[in-house]
Amino acid sequence: DTVVGVLGVACLYGFTRVSLVLKEVVQDIRGRLVVFFPGEYEDNNYRLLDARDGWNYLAVPITLHNGVND
């Protein structure tokens, strides 16, 4: 019942994709992995600085307004 939280993924922007890093470590984590994503969540997609979308496999958003934009 472990939870691992990952902060600072924005510093990887321009060097590598977060999804590639996660693929390398996910098999070694027993429990839940929480990535605190510094981008935007809209229409079931996550974006950092308007970059590509689509790496939200099994992602569950935790948003200020329950996923609803004002």
PDB file of N, CA and C in Angstrom:
ATOM      1  N   ASP A   1       0.827  -1.195   0.000  1.00  0.00           N
ATOM      2  CA  ASP A   1       0.000   0.000   0.000  1.00  0.00           C
ATOM      3  C   ASP A   1       0.865   1.250   0.000  1.00  0.00           C
ATOM      4  N   THR A   2       1.837   1.287  -0.861  1.00  0.00           N
ATOM      5  CA  THR A   2       2.767   2.406  -0.944  1.00  0.00           C
ATOM      6  C   THR A   2       2.305   3.404  -1.997  1.00  0.00           C
ATOM      7  N   VAL A   3       2.561   4.679  -1.733  1.00  0.00           N
ATOM      8  CA  VAL A   3       2.306   5.732  -2.713  1.00  0.00           C
ATOM      9  C   VAL A   3       3.621   6.460  -2.942  1.00  0.00           C
ATOM     10  N   VAL A   4       4.027   6.556  -4.203  1.00  0.00           N
ATOM     11  CA  VAL A   4       5.232   7.284  -4.580  1.00  0.00           C
ATOM     12  C   VAL A   4       4.794   8.519  -5.345  1.00  0.00           C
ATOM     13  N   GLY A   5       5.204   9.693  -4.863  1.00  0.00           N
ATOM     14  CA  GLY A   5       4.874  10.949  -5.526  1.00  0.00           C
ATOM     15  C   GLY A   5       6.077  11.487  -6.275  1.00  0.00           C
ATOM     16  N   VAL A   6       5.851  11.936  -7.493  1.00  0.00           N
ATOM     17  CA  VAL A   6       6.928  12.463  -8.326  1.00  0.00           C
ATOM     18  C   VAL A   6       6.661  13.942  -8.581  1.00  0.00           C
ATOM     19  N   LEU A   7       7.612  14.777  -8.185  1.00  0.00           N
ATOM     20  CA  LEU A   7       7.543  16.221  -8.400  1.00  0.00           C
ATOM     21  C   LEU A   7       8.607  16.644  -9.401  1.00  0.00           C
ATOM     22  N   GLY A   8       8.420  17.782 -10.015  1.00  0.00           N
ATOM     23  CA  GLY A   8       9.466  18.366 -10.841  1.00  0.00           C
ATOM     24  C   GLY A   8       9.588  17.819 -12.244  1.00  0.00           C
ATOM     25  N   VAL A   9       8.536  17.189 -12.773  1.00  0.00           N
ATOM     26  CA  VAL A   9       8.651  16.626 -14.116  1.00  0.00           C
ATOM     27  C   VAL A   9       8.801  17.702 -15.188  1.00  0.00           C
ATOM     28  N   ALA A  10       8.459  18.934 -14.865  1.00  0.00           N
ATOM     29  CA  ALA A  10       8.606  20.015 -15.847  1.00  0.00           C
ATOM     30  C   ALA A  10      10.068  20.243 -16.211  1.00  0.00           C
ATOM     31  N   CYS A  11      10.994  19.920 -15.315  1.00  0.00           N
ATOM     32  CA  CYS A  11      12.416  20.123 -15.611  1.00  0.00           C
ATOM     33  C   CYS A  11      12.917  19.163 -16.691  1.00  0.00           C
ATOM     34  N   LEU A  12      12.156  18.127 -16.999  1.00  0.00           N
ATOM     35  CA  LEU A  12      12.541  17.190 -18.058  1.00  0.00           C
ATOM     36  C   LEU A  12      12.175  17.702 -19.448  1.00  0.00           C
ATOM     37  N   TYR A  13      11.316  18.726 -19.499  1.00  0.00           N
ATOM     38  CA  TYR A  13      10.839  19.243 -20.783  1.00  0.00           C
ATOM     39  C   TYR A  13      12.024  19.701 -21.633  1.00  0.00           C
ATOM     40  N   GLY A  14      12.056  19.227 -22.840  1.00  0.00           N
ATOM     41  CA  GLY A  14      13.141  19.560 -23.752  1.00  0.00           C
ATOM     42  C   GLY A  14      14.266  18.529 -23.761  1.00  0.00           C
ATOM     43  N   PHE A  15      14.317  17.681 -22.729  1.00  0.00           N
ATOM     44  CA  PHE A  15      15.333  16.638 -22.642  1.00  0.00           C
ATOM     45  C   PHE A  15      14.773  15.267 -22.992  1.00  0.00           C
ATOM     46  N   THR A  16      13.619  14.962 -22.417  1.00  0.00           N
ATOM     47  CA  THR A  16      12.990  13.666 -22.638  1.00  0.00           C
ATOM     48  C   THR A  16      11.507  13.784 -22.333  1.00  0.00           C
ATOM     49  N   ARG A  17      10.773  12.762 -22.671  1.00  0.00           N
ATOM     50  CA  ARG A  17       9.346  12.721 -22.369  1.00  0.00           C
ATOM     51  C   ARG A  17       9.137  12.042 -21.019  1.00  0.00           C
ATOM     52  N   VAL A  18       8.229  12.593 -20.243  1.00  0.00           N
ATOM     53  CA  VAL A  18       7.916  12.016 -18.937  1.00  0.00           C
ATOM     54  C   VAL A  18       7.445  10.576 -19.097  1.00  0.00           C
ATOM     55  N   SER A  19       6.687  10.312 -20.148  1.00  0.00           N
ATOM     56  CA  SER A  19       6.175   8.955 -20.361  1.00  0.00           C
ATOM     57  C   SER A  19       7.307   7.945 -20.529  1.00  0.00           C
ATOM     58  N   LEU A  20       8.409   8.350 -21.150  1.00  0.00           N
ATOM     59  CA  LEU A  20       9.551   7.439 -21.312  1.00  0.00           C
ATOM     60  C   LEU A  20      10.211   7.134 -19.974  1.00  0.00           C
ATOM     61  N   VAL A  21      10.326   8.133 -19.130  1.00  0.00           N
ATOM     62  CA  VAL A  21      10.908   7.920 -17.804  1.00  0.00           C
ATOM     63  C   VAL A  21      10.006   7.009 -16.979  1.00  0.00           C
ATOM     64  N   LEU A  22       8.706   7.255 -17.028  1.00  0.00           N
ATOM     65  CA  LEU A  22       7.770   6.443 -16.253  1.00  0.00           C
ATOM     66  C   LEU A  22       7.779   4.990 -16.698  1.00  0.00           C
ATOM     67  N   LYS A  23       7.905   4.750 -17.990  1.00  0.00           N
ATOM     68  CA  LYS A  23       7.961   3.370 -18.486  1.00  0.00           C
ATOM     69  C   LYS A  23       9.153   2.613 -17.913  1.00  0.00           C
ATOM     70  N   GLU A  24      10.229   3.323 -17.616  1.00  0.00           N
ATOM     71  CA  GLU A  24      11.437   2.690 -17.076  1.00  0.00           C
ATOM     72  C   GLU A  24      11.323   2.359 -15.591  1.00  0.00           C
ATOM     73  N   VAL A  25      10.503   3.093 -14.850  1.00  0.00           N
ATOM     74  CA  VAL A  25      10.454   2.891 -13.396  1.00  0.00           C
ATOM     75  C   VAL A  25       9.176   2.238 -12.895  1.00  0.00           C
ATOM     76  N   VAL A  26       8.130   2.246 -13.692  1.00  0.00           N
ATOM     77  CA  VAL A  26       6.825   1.800 -13.202  1.00  0.00           C
ATOM     78  C   VAL A  26       6.833   0.343 -12.733  1.00  0.00           C
ATOM     79  N   GLN A  27       7.606  -0.514 -13.353  1.00  0.00           N
ATOM     80  CA  GLN A  27       7.629  -1.921 -12.948  1.00  0.00           C
ATOM     81  C   GLN A  27       8.314  -2.120 -11.597  1.00  0.00           C
ATOM     82  N   ASP A  28       9.087  -1.151 -11.140  1.00  0.00           N
ATOM     83  CA  ASP A  28       9.787  -1.259  -9.858  1.00  0.00           C
ATOM     84  C   ASP A  28       9.022  -0.635  -8.693  1.00  0.00           C
ATOM     85  N   ILE A  29       7.886  -0.055  -8.960  1.00  0.00           N
ATOM     86  CA  ILE A  29       7.106   0.607  -7.915  1.00  0.00           C
ATOM     87  C   ILE A  29       5.949  -0.287  -7.512  1.00  0.00           C
ATOM     88  N   ARG A  30       5.927  -0.651  -6.260  1.00  0.00           N
ATOM     89  CA  ARG A  30       4.827  -1.456  -5.719  1.00  0.00           C
ATOM     90  C   ARG A  30       3.836  -0.505  -5.071  1.00  0.00           C
ATOM     91  N   GLY A  31       2.671  -0.437  -5.602  1.00  0.00           N
ATOM     92  CA  GLY A  31       1.665   0.486  -5.084  1.00  0.00           C
ATOM     93  C   GLY A  31       1.273   1.491  -6.143  1.00  0.00           C
ATOM     94  N   ARG A  32       0.986   2.680  -5.707  1.00  0.00           N
ATOM     95  CA  ARG A  32       0.505   3.737  -6.604  1.00  0.00           C
ATOM     96  C   ARG A  32       1.610   4.728  -6.926  1.00  0.00           C
ATOM     97  N   LEU A  33       1.568   5.241  -8.140  1.00  0.00           N
ATOM     98  CA  LEU A  33       2.496   6.274  -8.581  1.00  0.00           C
ATOM     99  C   LEU A  33       1.693   7.532  -8.868  1.00  0.00           C
ATOM    100  N   VAL A  34       2.045   8.618  -8.199  1.00  0.00           N
ATOM    101  CA  VAL A  34       1.367   9.897  -8.400  1.00  0.00           C
ATOM    102  C   VAL A  34       2.360  10.854  -9.038  1.00  0.00           C
ATOM    103  N   VAL A  35       2.017  11.371 -10.217  1.00  0.00           N
ATOM    104  CA  VAL A  35       2.848  12.364 -10.884  1.00  0.00           C
ATOM    105  C   VAL A  35       2.125  13.697 -10.768  1.00  0.00           C
ATOM    106  N   PHE A  36       2.761  14.635 -10.086  1.00  0.00           N
ATOM    107  CA  PHE A  36       2.188  15.969  -9.959  1.00  0.00           C
ATOM    108  C   PHE A  36       2.535  16.725 -11.232  1.00  0.00           C
ATOM    109  N   PHE A  37       1.553  16.811 -12.106  1.00  0.00           N
ATOM    110  CA  PHE A  37       1.751  17.318 -13.455  1.00  0.00           C
ATOM    111  C   PHE A  37       1.538  18.827 -13.489  1.00  0.00           C
ATOM    112  N   PRO A  38       2.507  19.587 -13.948  1.00  0.00           N
ATOM    113  CA  PRO A  38       2.420  21.046 -13.900  1.00  0.00           C
ATOM    114  C   PRO A  38       1.713  21.676 -15.094  1.00  0.00           C
ATOM    115  N   GLY A  39       1.081  20.886 -15.918  1.00  0.00           N
ATOM    116  CA  GLY A  39       0.458  21.412 -17.131  1.00  0.00           C
ATOM    117  C   GLY A  39      -1.023  21.637 -16.980  1.00  0.00           C
ATOM    118  N   GLU A  40      -1.728  21.398 -18.059  1.00  0.00           N
ATOM    119  CA  GLU A  40      -3.170  21.601 -18.099  1.00  0.00           C
ATOM    120  C   GLU A  40      -3.865  20.284 -18.394  1.00  0.00           C
ATOM    121  N   TYR A  41      -5.067  20.159 -17.871  1.00  0.00           N
ATOM    122  CA  TYR A  41      -5.905  18.990 -18.129  1.00  0.00           C
ATOM    123  C   TYR A  41      -7.169  19.487 -18.808  1.00  0.00           C
ATOM    124  N   GLU A  42      -7.422  18.994 -20.023  1.00  0.00           N
ATOM    125  CA  GLU A  42      -8.601  19.425 -20.765  1.00  0.00           C
ATOM    126  C   GLU A  42      -9.027  18.306 -21.708  1.00  0.00           C
ATOM    127  N   ASP A  43     -10.298  17.987 -21.700  1.00  0.00           N
ATOM    128  CA  ASP A  43     -10.857  16.954 -22.582  1.00  0.00           C
ATOM    129  C   ASP A  43     -10.105  15.625 -22.470  1.00  0.00           C
ATOM    130  N   ASN A  44      -9.841  15.196 -21.244  1.00  0.00           N
ATOM    131  CA  ASN A  44      -9.141  13.934 -20.967  1.00  0.00           C
ATOM    132  C   ASN A  44      -7.721  13.873 -21.514  1.00  0.00           C
ATOM    133  N   ASN A  45      -7.096  15.007 -21.740  1.00  0.00           N
ATOM    134  CA  ASN A  45      -5.709  15.063 -22.195  1.00  0.00           C
ATOM    135  C   ASN A  45      -4.900  15.951 -21.270  1.00  0.00           C
ATOM    136  N   TYR A  46      -3.631  15.604 -21.109  1.00  0.00           N
ATOM    137  CA  TYR A  46      -2.705  16.380 -20.301  1.00  0.00           C
ATOM    138  C   TYR A  46      -1.714  17.051 -21.238  1.00  0.00           C
ATOM    139  N   ARG A  47      -1.432  18.324 -20.986  1.00  0.00           N
ATOM    140  CA  ARG A  47      -0.491  19.063 -21.828  1.00  0.00           C
ATOM    141  C   ARG A  47       0.449  19.891 -20.962  1.00  0.00           C
ATOM    142  N   LEU A  48       1.702  19.922 -21.357  1.00  0.00           N
ATOM    143  CA  LEU A  48       2.697  20.772 -20.724  1.00  0.00           C
ATOM    144  C   LEU A  48       3.195  21.741 -21.777  1.00  0.00           C
ATOM    145  N   LEU A  49       2.966  23.017 -21.573  1.00  0.00           N
ATOM    146  CA  LEU A  49       3.405  24.067 -22.497  1.00  0.00           C
ATOM    147  C   LEU A  49       2.928  23.812 -23.925  1.00  0.00           C
ATOM    148  N   ASP A  50       1.685  23.388 -24.075  1.00  0.00           N
ATOM    149  CA  ASP A  50       1.076  23.095 -25.381  1.00  0.00           C
ATOM    150  C   ASP A  50       1.816  22.025 -26.174  1.00  0.00           C
ATOM    151  N   ALA A  51       2.549  21.166 -25.488  1.00  0.00           N
ATOM    152  CA  ALA A  51       3.253  20.072 -26.159  1.00  0.00           C
ATOM    153  C   ALA A  51       2.272  18.953 -26.477  1.00  0.00           C
ATOM    154  N   ARG A  52       2.787  17.834 -26.927  1.00  0.00           N
ATOM    155  CA  ARG A  52       1.937  16.725 -27.350  1.00  0.00           C
ATOM    156  C   ARG A  52       1.078  16.221 -26.196  1.00  0.00           C
ATOM    157  N   ASP A  53       0.035  15.506 -26.546  1.00  0.00           N
ATOM    158  CA  ASP A  53      -0.831  14.912 -25.538  1.00  0.00           C
ATOM    159  C   ASP A  53      -0.840  13.400 -25.723  1.00  0.00           C
ATOM    160  N   GLY A  54      -1.599  12.715 -24.869  1.00  0.00           N
ATOM    161  CA  GLY A  54      -1.837  11.307 -25.105  1.00  0.00           C
ATOM    162  C   GLY A  54      -1.080  10.317 -24.255  1.00  0.00           C
ATOM    163  N   TRP A  55      -0.445  10.722 -23.161  1.00  0.00           N
ATOM    164  CA  TRP A  55       0.227   9.734 -22.328  1.00  0.00           C
ATOM    165  C   TRP A  55      -0.512   9.533 -21.006  1.00  0.00           C
ATOM    166  N   ASN A  56      -1.826   9.593 -21.062  1.00  0.00           N
ATOM    167  CA  ASN A  56      -2.620   9.551 -19.840  1.00  0.00           C
ATOM    168  C   ASN A  56      -3.194   8.167 -19.545  1.00  0.00           C
ATOM    169  N   TYR A  57      -2.493   7.118 -19.844  1.00  0.00           N
ATOM    170  CA  TYR A  57      -2.960   5.762 -19.585  1.00  0.00           C
ATOM    171  C   TYR A  57      -3.205   5.571 -18.089  1.00  0.00           C
ATOM    172  N   LEU A  58      -4.419   5.234 -17.740  1.00  0.00           N
ATOM    173  CA  LEU A  58      -4.855   5.034 -16.356  1.00  0.00           C
ATOM    174  C   LEU A  58      -4.700   6.272 -15.483  1.00  0.00           C
ATOM    175  N   ALA A  59      -4.592   7.436 -16.074  1.00  0.00           N
ATOM    176  CA  ALA A  59      -4.461   8.662 -15.292  1.00  0.00           C
ATOM    177  C   ALA A  59      -5.810   9.078 -14.727  1.00  0.00           C
ATOM    178  N   VAL A  60      -5.773   9.599 -13.520  1.00  0.00           N
ATOM    179  CA  VAL A  60      -6.970  10.123 -12.868  1.00  0.00           C
ATOM    180  C   VAL A  60      -6.647  11.542 -12.429  1.00  0.00           C
ATOM    181  N   PRO A  61      -7.342  12.528 -12.961  1.00  0.00           N
ATOM    182  CA  PRO A  61      -7.035  13.911 -12.594  1.00  0.00           C
ATOM    183  C   PRO A  61      -7.519  14.252 -11.189  1.00  0.00           C
ATOM    184  N   ILE A  62      -6.708  14.984 -10.470  1.00  0.00           N
ATOM    185  CA  ILE A  62      -7.102  15.573  -9.194  1.00  0.00           C
ATOM    186  C   ILE A  62      -7.025  17.073  -9.428  1.00  0.00           C
ATOM    187  N   THR A  63      -8.157  17.691  -9.660  1.00  0.00           N
ATOM    188  CA  THR A  63      -8.185  19.095 -10.040  1.00  0.00           C
ATOM    189  C   THR A  63      -8.886  19.934  -8.982  1.00  0.00           C
ATOM    190  N   LEU A  64      -8.670  21.228  -9.052  1.00  0.00           N
ATOM    191  CA  LEU A  64      -9.256  22.156  -8.094  1.00  0.00           C
ATOM    192  C   LEU A  64     -10.772  22.140  -8.149  1.00  0.00           C
ATOM    193  N   HIS A  65     -11.320  22.079  -9.364  1.00  0.00           N
ATOM    194  CA  HIS A  65     -12.767  22.155  -9.555  1.00  0.00           C
ATOM    195  C   HIS A  65     -13.328  20.865 -10.127  1.00  0.00           C
ATOM    196  N   ASN A  66     -12.786  19.727  -9.716  1.00  0.00           N
ATOM    197  CA  ASN A  66     -13.281  18.423 -10.149  1.00  0.00           C
ATOM    198  C   ASN A  66     -13.244  18.264 -11.668  1.00  0.00           C
ATOM    199  N   GLY A  67     -12.201  18.784 -12.296  1.00  0.00           N
ATOM    200  CA  GLY A  67     -12.026  18.620 -13.732  1.00  0.00           C
ATOM    201  C   GLY A  67     -12.825  19.569 -14.589  1.00  0.00           C
ATOM    202  N   VAL A  68     -13.497  20.536 -13.964  1.00  0.00           N
ATOM    203  CA  VAL A  68     -14.339  21.475 -14.702  1.00  0.00           C
ATOM    204  C   VAL A  68     -13.632  22.817 -14.764  1.00  0.00           C
ATOM    205  N   ASN A  69     -13.494  23.356 -15.973  1.00  0.00           N
ATOM    206  CA  ASN A  69     -12.890  24.677 -16.141  1.00  0.00           C
ATOM    207  C   ASN A  69     -13.926  25.755 -15.898  1.00  0.00           C
ATOM    208  N   ASP A  70     -13.485  26.859 -15.329  1.00  0.00           N
ATOM    209  CA  ASP A  70     -14.395  27.992 -15.109  1.00  0.00           C
ATOM    210  C   ASP A  70     -14.570  28.788 -16.379  1.00  0.00           C
TER     211      ASP A  70
END
